């Protein structure tokens, strides 16, 4: 079994919250996170976009920049990048061969192992700074083992409730666990319940906390479209203004925003007629996507190709999806925990033109056949649609 197949095989261990296994694995790797300059990004929606924007600005300012994000669209390598270039298979092989015994000894999960690999690789390659996206929550997430220069909290909303809690207060408590003693925290504007939890945690650990409340981004051009992405860019730029020891000229900010790429976020695959790919997978991200889709003023009929992961709760937005999209195709991806296509289809019983097409590539092709010259098509719901999108549209998500 090669190293990438090995990594994917341990994904069957599932999610295990807690950082003790991470501590043990990091110690076996000589604690590469220790002394590494890091910005940790936590929250619910927009973590990847904010991380990618910060990374691209720092690259344009001349810094060797590591970027760790999750999940990937096609290849595991996408999760770990330096200056936009994914980690090589050779480097993954080297790490797995060196530490496989420890991975097995501590029964490390896929995410714990890939996080350790990211820290190890960034330390080995002597990056100037690493942007580390938190996987799930914050209090018990592997990334929280780092010693960050700053913590960023993106908007907190409902997702992974079966793990993080049923209320916004419970979810915010888990996210707030990323806040560290004496480390500045920059937060997006939050719901009042989340604001209270984050403020209490920051006060408890004596971390300065700054909330964005009503600020607006200067008239910068941003290469990722949509109002929400402007908010993500504002959070990224604001966070960088609180980082000491890094010189970031205005022109690096301007160019970083103009050239940033982040696949699968309001990602236009084809124009005339429009085909767009977005990995929106919870209520708030779907709401933001629909807001952007509405802004495109599509006159003809719209087609939706949708797949979800199991346990996603999107019932409140179903009527809105049915009103925007005249044709709905439910499909099912590969991956660890897909929602069964029959379960997904049950959401759309009121839609007269809803179909099941099990195979994602066939679903997308069928959608394209239904697309009129003045219409639009959206492919949404999960990162696991990445392989089908890549195959049909001949796209690589490897290089920024």
Protein backbone atom coordinates (compact mmCIF):
# COMPACT_ATOMS: atom_id res chain seq x y z
CA UNK A 1 0.00 0.00 0.00
CA UNK A 2 1.47 3.38 -0.96
CA UNK A 3 1.53 6.25 1.51
CA UNK A 4 -1.48 8.12 0.18
CA UNK A 5 -3.58 4.95 0.14
CA UNK A 6 -2.41 4.32 3.69
CA UNK A 7 -3.50 7.82 4.73
CA UNK A 8 -6.91 7.32 3.13
CA UNK A 9 -7.24 3.90 4.76
CA UNK A 10 -6.91 5.31 8.28
CA UNK A 11 -9.80 7.67 7.50
CA UNK A 12 -11.98 4.72 8.55
CA UNK A 13 -10.90 5.50 12.14
CA UNK A 14 -13.30 8.42 11.88
CA UNK A 15 -13.28 11.58 13.97
CA UNK A 16 -11.95 11.37 17.51
CA UNK A 17 -11.99 14.66 19.34
CA UNK A 18 -9.12 15.34 21.73
CA UNK A 19 -5.51 16.36 21.27
CA UNK A 20 -3.70 13.77 23.39
CA UNK A 21 -2.98 11.53 20.38
CA UNK A 22 -1.80 14.59 18.47
CA UNK A 23 0.54 15.54 21.34
CA UNK A 24 2.02 12.05 21.34
CA UNK A 25 2.46 11.96 17.57
CA UNK A 26 3.96 15.47 17.51
CA UNK A 27 6.42 14.47 20.24
CA UNK A 28 7.48 11.49 18.12
CA UNK A 29 8.10 13.95 15.25
CA UNK A 30 10.21 16.23 17.51
CA UNK A 31 7.36 18.73 18.00
CA UNK A 32 7.60 20.57 14.66
CA UNK A 33 4.82 22.95 15.75
CA UNK A 34 7.04 24.37 18.48
CA UNK A 35 8.41 27.76 17.50
CA UNK A 36 6.71 27.71 14.10
CA UNK A 37 5.08 31.08 13.28
CA UNK A 38 1.39 30.24 12.78
CA UNK A 39 -1.92 31.96 12.20
CA UNK A 40 -4.74 29.63 13.29
CA UNK A 41 -8.10 30.04 11.57
CA UNK A 42 -11.22 28.64 13.26
CA UNK A 43 -14.98 29.20 12.85
CA UNK A 44 -17.75 27.58 10.77
CA UNK A 45 -17.98 29.13 7.32
CA UNK A 46 -15.23 30.80 5.30
CA UNK A 47 -12.20 29.30 7.07
CA UNK A 48 -10.65 28.03 3.85
CA UNK A 49 -11.29 31.26 1.95
CA UNK A 50 -9.84 33.43 4.75
CA UNK A 51 -6.80 31.13 4.99
CA UNK A 52 -6.22 31.22 1.21
CA UNK A 53 -6.54 35.03 1.10
CA UNK A 54 -4.07 35.53 3.97
CA UNK A 55 -1.65 33.09 2.37
CA UNK A 56 -1.76 34.83 -1.00
CA UNK A 57 -1.20 38.28 0.53
CA UNK A 58 1.80 37.00 2.48
CA UNK A 59 3.22 35.31 -0.63
CA UNK A 60 2.91 38.62 -2.48
CA UNK A 61 4.69 40.32 0.41
CA UNK A 62 7.64 37.99 -0.22
CA UNK A 63 7.16 35.48 2.60
CA UNK A 64 7.56 31.73 2.21
CA UNK A 65 4.08 30.72 3.31
CA UNK A 66 2.65 27.37 4.35
CA UNK A 67 -1.07 26.74 3.98
CA UNK A 68 -2.97 23.87 5.60
CA UNK A 69 -6.65 23.47 4.70
CA UNK A 70 -9.31 20.78 4.63
CA UNK A 71 -10.93 18.90 3.10
CA UNK A 72 -9.40 18.40 -0.35
CA UNK A 73 -11.26 18.36 -3.66
CA UNK A 74 -9.39 15.62 -5.52
CA UNK A 75 -5.92 14.92 -4.08
CA UNK A 76 -4.84 14.76 -0.44
CA UNK A 77 -1.77 16.82 -1.41
CA UNK A 78 -4.00 19.90 -1.88
CA UNK A 79 -4.33 20.24 1.88
CA UNK A 80 -0.67 21.12 2.44
CA UNK A 81 0.95 23.82 0.28
CA UNK A 82 3.95 26.11 0.30
CA UNK A 83 3.53 29.25 -1.80
CA UNK A 84 0.53 27.61 -3.45
CA UNK A 85 2.34 24.42 -4.48
CA UNK A 86 1.02 21.18 -2.94
CA UNK A 87 3.25 18.81 -1.01
CA UNK A 88 4.79 16.12 -3.23
CA UNK A 89 4.05 12.41 -2.99
CA UNK A 90 7.74 11.93 -2.19
CA UNK A 91 7.46 14.09 0.94
CA UNK A 92 4.33 12.25 2.05
CA UNK A 93 6.13 8.91 1.52
CA UNK A 94 9.07 10.09 3.59
CA UNK A 95 6.87 11.14 6.49
CA UNK A 96 4.76 7.97 6.50
CA UNK A 97 7.82 5.71 6.29
CA UNK A 98 9.45 7.60 9.17
CA UNK A 99 6.44 7.72 11.48
CA UNK A 100 4.06 4.92 10.49
CA UNK A 101 4.98 2.94 13.61
CA UNK A 102 4.06 5.94 15.77
CA UNK A 103 0.83 6.57 13.84
CA UNK A 104 -0.20 2.98 14.56
CA UNK A 105 1.07 3.05 18.14
CA UNK A 106 -1.05 6.07 19.04
CA UNK A 107 -3.96 5.06 16.76
CA UNK A 108 -3.86 8.50 15.18
CA UNK A 109 -6.76 9.43 12.95
CA UNK A 110 -6.44 10.64 9.36
CA UNK A 111 -6.83 14.29 10.40
CA UNK A 112 -4.38 13.97 13.29
CA UNK A 113 -1.83 12.40 10.95
CA UNK A 114 -2.27 14.94 8.14
CA UNK A 115 -2.00 17.78 10.68
CA UNK A 116 1.24 16.36 12.02
CA UNK A 117 2.48 15.99 8.43
CA UNK A 118 1.69 19.66 7.73
CA UNK A 119 3.60 20.90 10.77
CA UNK A 120 6.50 18.56 10.00
CA UNK A 121 6.72 19.68 6.36
CA UNK A 122 6.44 23.40 7.12
CA UNK A 123 9.14 23.15 9.80
CA UNK A 124 11.39 21.07 7.52
CA UNK A 125 11.00 23.58 4.67
CA UNK A 126 11.58 26.50 7.05
CA UNK A 127 8.53 28.53 6.07
CA UNK A 128 8.34 32.11 7.30
CA UNK A 129 4.76 31.59 8.44
CA UNK A 130 2.08 28.89 8.27
CA UNK A 131 -1.67 29.44 7.95
CA UNK A 132 -3.42 26.55 9.67
CA UNK A 133 -7.15 25.96 9.18
CA UNK A 134 -8.83 24.27 12.13
CA UNK A 135 -10.64 21.10 11.13
CA UNK A 136 -13.55 20.77 13.54
CA UNK A 137 -14.34 22.96 16.53
CA UNK A 138 -11.18 24.28 18.15
CA UNK A 139 -11.04 23.19 21.76
CA UNK A 140 -10.25 19.57 20.89
CA UNK A 141 -8.94 19.98 17.34
CA UNK A 142 -5.45 18.81 16.39
CA UNK A 143 -4.48 22.18 14.90
CA UNK A 144 -4.96 23.77 18.33
CA UNK A 145 -1.68 22.22 19.45
CA UNK A 146 0.06 25.12 17.69
CA UNK A 147 1.48 28.24 19.34
CA UNK A 148 -0.05 30.91 17.08
CA UNK A 149 0.85 34.53 16.53
CA UNK A 150 -2.88 35.20 16.16
CA UNK A 151 -6.19 33.37 16.09
CA UNK A 152 -8.95 34.18 13.61
CA UNK A 153 -12.59 33.20 14.13
CA UNK A 154 -14.82 33.25 11.04
CA UNK A 155 -18.63 33.43 11.39
CA UNK A 156 -19.96 30.71 13.68
CA UNK A 157 -23.14 28.95 12.61
CA UNK A 158 -24.83 25.55 12.76
CA UNK A 159 -22.81 22.62 11.44
CA UNK A 160 -21.51 19.29 12.79
CA UNK A 161 -24.13 19.56 15.53
CA UNK A 162 -23.93 15.84 16.25
CA UNK A 163 -20.36 16.50 17.43
CA UNK A 164 -20.16 20.15 18.52
CA UNK A 165 -23.59 20.64 20.09
CA UNK A 166 -27.15 21.57 19.20
CA UNK A 167 -27.06 25.25 20.18
CA UNK A 168 -24.99 28.16 18.92
CA UNK A 169 -23.66 28.63 22.47
CA UNK A 170 -22.39 25.04 22.57
CA UNK A 171 -20.84 25.30 19.10
CA UNK A 172 -19.21 28.65 19.95
CA UNK A 173 -17.76 27.12 23.12
CA UNK A 174 -15.96 24.49 21.03
CA UNK A 175 -14.74 27.10 18.50
CA UNK A 176 -13.58 29.41 21.31
CA UNK A 177 -11.21 26.69 22.45
CA UNK A 178 -8.82 27.87 19.73
CA UNK A 179 -8.27 31.14 21.63
CA UNK A 180 -4.93 31.04 23.45
CA UNK A 181 -3.53 32.87 26.46
CA UNK A 182 -2.14 36.30 25.54
CA UNK A 183 -2.62 35.63 21.79
CA UNK A 184 -4.62 38.22 19.86
CA UNK A 185 -7.92 36.99 18.39
CA UNK A 186 -9.65 38.66 15.44
CA UNK A 187 -13.26 37.64 14.91
CA UNK A 188 -15.83 38.24 12.22
CA UNK A 189 -19.10 39.81 13.29
CA UNK A 190 -20.93 37.13 15.26
CA UNK A 191 -24.39 36.31 16.53
CA UNK A 192 -24.85 37.71 20.05
CA UNK A 193 -24.71 34.25 21.64
CA UNK A 194 -21.39 33.47 19.94
CA UNK A 195 -20.01 36.93 20.78
CA UNK A 196 -20.72 36.35 24.47
CA UNK A 197 -18.96 32.98 24.50
CA UNK A 198 -15.91 34.23 22.59
CA UNK A 199 -15.59 37.33 24.80
CA UNK A 200 -15.81 35.27 27.99
CA UNK A 201 -13.13 32.88 26.76
CA UNK A 202 -10.83 35.73 25.66
CA UNK A 203 -11.23 37.44 29.04
CA UNK A 204 -10.53 34.19 30.87
CA UNK A 205 -7.23 33.57 29.07
CA UNK A 206 -6.31 37.28 28.80
CA UNK A 207 -6.36 37.27 25.00
CA UNK A 208 -7.06 40.61 23.29
CA UNK A 209 -10.08 40.13 21.03
CA UNK A 210 -11.26 42.35 18.19
CA UNK A 211 -14.63 41.90 16.48
CA UNK A 212 -15.44 43.26 13.04
CA UNK A 213 -18.65 45.19 13.46
CA UNK A 214 -19.71 47.29 10.52
CA UNK A 215 -16.30 47.92 8.98
CA UNK A 216 -16.10 47.77 5.20
CA UNK A 217 -13.31 46.69 2.93
CA UNK A 218 -11.71 49.43 0.82
CA UNK A 219 -12.56 49.24 -2.86
CA UNK A 220 -10.25 46.32 -3.58
CA UNK A 221 -10.81 43.87 -6.43
CA UNK A 222 -11.15 40.31 -5.11
CA UNK A 223 -10.68 37.33 -7.39
CA UNK A 224 -13.27 35.23 -5.50
CA UNK A 225 -16.70 36.71 -6.25
CA UNK A 226 -19.58 37.35 -3.87
CA UNK A 227 -20.51 39.61 -0.94
CA UNK A 228 -19.52 36.94 1.58
CA UNK A 229 -16.05 36.71 0.07
CA UNK A 230 -15.62 40.47 0.55
CA UNK A 231 -16.41 39.87 4.22
CA UNK A 232 -13.83 37.06 4.29
CA UNK A 233 -11.28 39.38 2.67
CA UNK A 234 -11.98 42.09 5.27
CA UNK A 235 -11.38 39.58 8.06
CA UNK A 236 -8.13 38.44 6.43
CA UNK A 237 -6.80 41.98 5.89
CA UNK A 238 -7.83 43.05 9.41
CA UNK A 239 -6.09 40.03 10.93
CA UNK A 240 -2.85 40.77 9.11
CA UNK A 241 -2.84 44.27 10.59
CA UNK A 242 -2.54 42.66 14.05
CA UNK A 243 0.46 40.47 13.22
CA UNK A 244 3.78 41.78 14.52
CA UNK A 245 7.10 41.22 12.78
CA UNK A 246 5.79 41.01 9.20
CA UNK A 247 5.97 43.87 6.73
CA UNK A 248 2.99 43.77 4.36
CA UNK A 249 2.98 46.62 1.85
CA UNK A 250 -0.32 47.91 0.48
CA UNK A 251 0.59 46.62 -2.98
CA UNK A 252 0.91 43.07 -1.57
CA UNK A 253 -2.61 43.35 -0.16
CA UNK A 254 -3.97 44.66 -3.47
CA UNK A 255 -2.23 42.02 -5.59
CA UNK A 256 -2.97 39.25 -3.10
CA UNK A 257 -6.70 39.95 -3.33
CA UNK A 258 -6.65 40.39 -7.10
CA UNK A 259 -4.92 37.06 -7.73
CA UNK A 260 -6.18 34.76 -4.96
CA UNK A 261 -7.72 31.51 -6.14
CA UNK A 262 -9.82 29.21 -4.01
CA UNK A 263 -11.45 26.43 -5.96
CA UNK A 264 -15.02 25.38 -5.28
CA UNK A 265 -16.14 28.73 -3.87
CA UNK A 266 -18.47 30.57 -6.27
CA UNK A 267 -16.22 28.89 -8.84
CA UNK A 268 -17.35 29.66 -12.38
CA UNK A 269 -16.56 26.59 -14.50
CA UNK A 270 -18.15 27.80 -17.72
CA UNK A 271 -19.80 30.95 -19.01
CA UNK A 272 -22.65 31.27 -21.52
CA UNK A 273 -24.46 29.37 -20.19
CA UNK A 274 -23.15 29.70 -16.67
CA UNK A 275 -21.99 26.64 -14.72
CA UNK A 276 -20.84 27.25 -11.16
CA UNK A 277 -19.37 24.98 -8.46
CA UNK A 278 -19.61 25.70 -4.76
CA UNK A 279 -18.90 23.41 -1.82
CA UNK A 280 -21.62 25.04 0.33
CA UNK A 281 -22.71 22.27 2.67
CA UNK A 282 -24.66 23.79 5.55
CA UNK A 283 -27.54 26.23 5.94
CA UNK A 284 -25.51 29.40 6.16
CA UNK A 285 -23.14 28.57 3.32
CA UNK A 286 -26.06 27.56 1.08
CA UNK A 287 -27.80 30.83 1.94
CA UNK A 288 -24.67 32.77 0.97
CA UNK A 289 -24.34 30.81 -2.27
CA UNK A 290 -27.96 31.49 -3.22
CA UNK A 291 -27.43 35.19 -2.52
CA UNK A 292 -24.53 35.16 -4.98
CA UNK A 293 -26.43 33.07 -7.53
CA UNK A 294 -29.34 35.52 -7.40
CA UNK A 295 -26.96 38.39 -8.10
CA UNK A 296 -26.01 36.81 -11.44
CA UNK A 297 -29.45 37.61 -12.91
CA UNK A 298 -29.91 34.36 -14.82
CA UNK A 299 -33.01 34.61 -17.03
CA UNK A 300 -33.50 31.03 -18.21
CA UNK A 301 -34.23 27.91 -16.19
CA UNK A 302 -31.68 26.86 -13.58
CA UNK A 303 -30.40 23.35 -12.92
CA UNK A 304 -29.13 22.14 -9.53
CA UNK A 305 -26.85 19.13 -9.09
CA UNK A 306 -26.56 18.41 -5.37
CA UNK A 307 -24.89 15.85 -3.12
CA UNK A 308 -24.45 16.05 0.64
CA UNK A 309 -22.62 14.34 3.44
CA UNK A 310 -24.73 12.36 5.91
CA UNK A 311 -26.32 14.21 8.83
CA UNK A 312 -26.35 17.58 7.06
CA UNK A 313 -29.47 19.47 8.07
CA UNK A 314 -30.65 21.71 5.27
CA UNK A 315 -34.43 21.34 5.52
CA UNK A 316 -35.13 25.06 6.18
CA UNK A 317 -33.53 26.10 2.88
CA UNK A 318 -35.22 23.46 0.69
CA UNK A 319 -38.15 25.72 -0.34
CA UNK A 320 -35.67 28.37 -1.45
CA UNK A 321 -33.68 25.85 -3.52
CA UNK A 322 -36.89 24.62 -5.12
CA UNK A 323 -37.92 28.16 -6.03
CA UNK A 324 -34.55 29.02 -7.63
CA UNK A 325 -33.90 25.77 -9.50
CA UNK A 326 -36.41 24.40 -11.99
CA UNK A 327 -34.53 21.10 -12.36
CA UNK A 328 -32.93 19.31 -9.41
CA UNK A 329 -30.65 16.29 -9.76
CA UNK A 330 -29.74 14.44 -6.57
CA UNK A 331 -26.56 12.42 -6.64
CA UNK A 332 -24.25 10.58 -4.25
CA UNK A 333 -20.49 10.92 -3.95
CA UNK A 334 -17.81 8.55 -2.83
CA UNK A 335 -16.15 9.29 0.48
CA UNK A 336 -16.39 8.26 4.08
CA UNK A 337 -19.90 9.40 4.91
CA UNK A 338 -22.14 10.37 1.97
CA UNK A 339 -25.84 11.01 2.31
CA UNK A 340 -27.73 8.24 0.52
CA UNK A 341 -29.22 9.63 -2.66
CA UNK A 342 -32.70 8.38 -1.67
CA UNK A 343 -32.44 10.31 1.61
CA UNK A 344 -31.42 13.44 -0.25
CA UNK A 345 -34.22 13.03 -2.79
CA UNK A 346 -36.75 12.88 0.05
CA UNK A 347 -35.98 16.57 0.71
CA UNK A 348 -37.29 17.48 -2.74
CA UNK A 349 -40.60 15.63 -2.86
CA UNK A 350 -42.39 18.91 -3.68
CA UNK A 351 -40.24 19.56 -6.73
CA UNK A 352 -41.92 18.22 -9.91
CA UNK A 353 -38.60 18.05 -11.80
CA UNK A 354 -36.35 16.34 -9.26
CA UNK A 355 -34.43 13.22 -10.31
CA UNK A 356 -31.97 10.75 -8.88
CA UNK A 357 -28.79 10.04 -10.84
CA UNK A 358 -26.51 8.02 -8.60
CA UNK A 359 -23.22 8.66 -10.38
CA UNK A 360 -21.98 12.28 -9.94
CA UNK A 361 -20.36 12.50 -13.38
CA UNK A 362 -23.54 11.27 -15.04
CA UNK A 363 -25.56 13.69 -12.92
CA UNK A 364 -23.46 16.64 -14.06
CA UNK A 365 -23.61 15.55 -17.71
CA UNK A 366 -27.38 15.21 -17.47
CA UNK A 367 -27.57 18.70 -15.98
CA UNK A 368 -25.51 20.11 -18.83
CA UNK A 369 -27.87 18.50 -21.34
CA UNK A 370 -30.84 20.26 -19.72
CA UNK A 371 -29.09 23.63 -19.66
CA UNK A 372 -30.54 26.27 -21.97
CA UNK A 373 -28.46 29.08 -23.54
CA UNK A 374 -29.93 31.61 -21.09
CA UNK A 375 -29.99 29.29 -18.09
CA UNK A 376 -27.59 28.47 -15.29
CA UNK A 377 -26.38 25.40 -13.47
CA UNK A 378 -25.06 24.99 -9.93
CA UNK A 379 -23.10 22.02 -8.60
CA UNK A 380 -23.18 22.21 -4.81
CA UNK A 381 -23.17 20.42 -1.49
CA UNK A 382 -19.80 18.82 -0.75
CA UNK A 383 -16.07 18.83 -1.52
CA UNK A 384 -16.55 15.22 -2.59
CA UNK A 385 -18.02 16.45 -5.89
CA UNK A 386 -14.49 17.63 -6.77
CA UNK A 387 -13.39 14.50 -8.67
CA UNK A 388 -16.47 14.58 -10.93
CA UNK A 389 -16.09 18.32 -11.57
CA UNK A 390 -12.38 17.85 -12.29
CA UNK A 391 -13.02 14.98 -14.72
CA UNK A 392 -15.78 16.67 -16.73
CA UNK A 393 -14.31 20.16 -16.90
CA UNK A 394 -10.68 18.99 -17.25
CA UNK A 395 -9.59 20.96 -14.20
CA UNK A 396 -6.69 20.46 -11.84
CA UNK A 397 -7.06 21.85 -8.33
CA UNK A 398 -3.38 21.33 -7.59
CA UNK A 399 -1.85 24.67 -8.52
CA UNK A 400 -3.04 28.12 -7.57
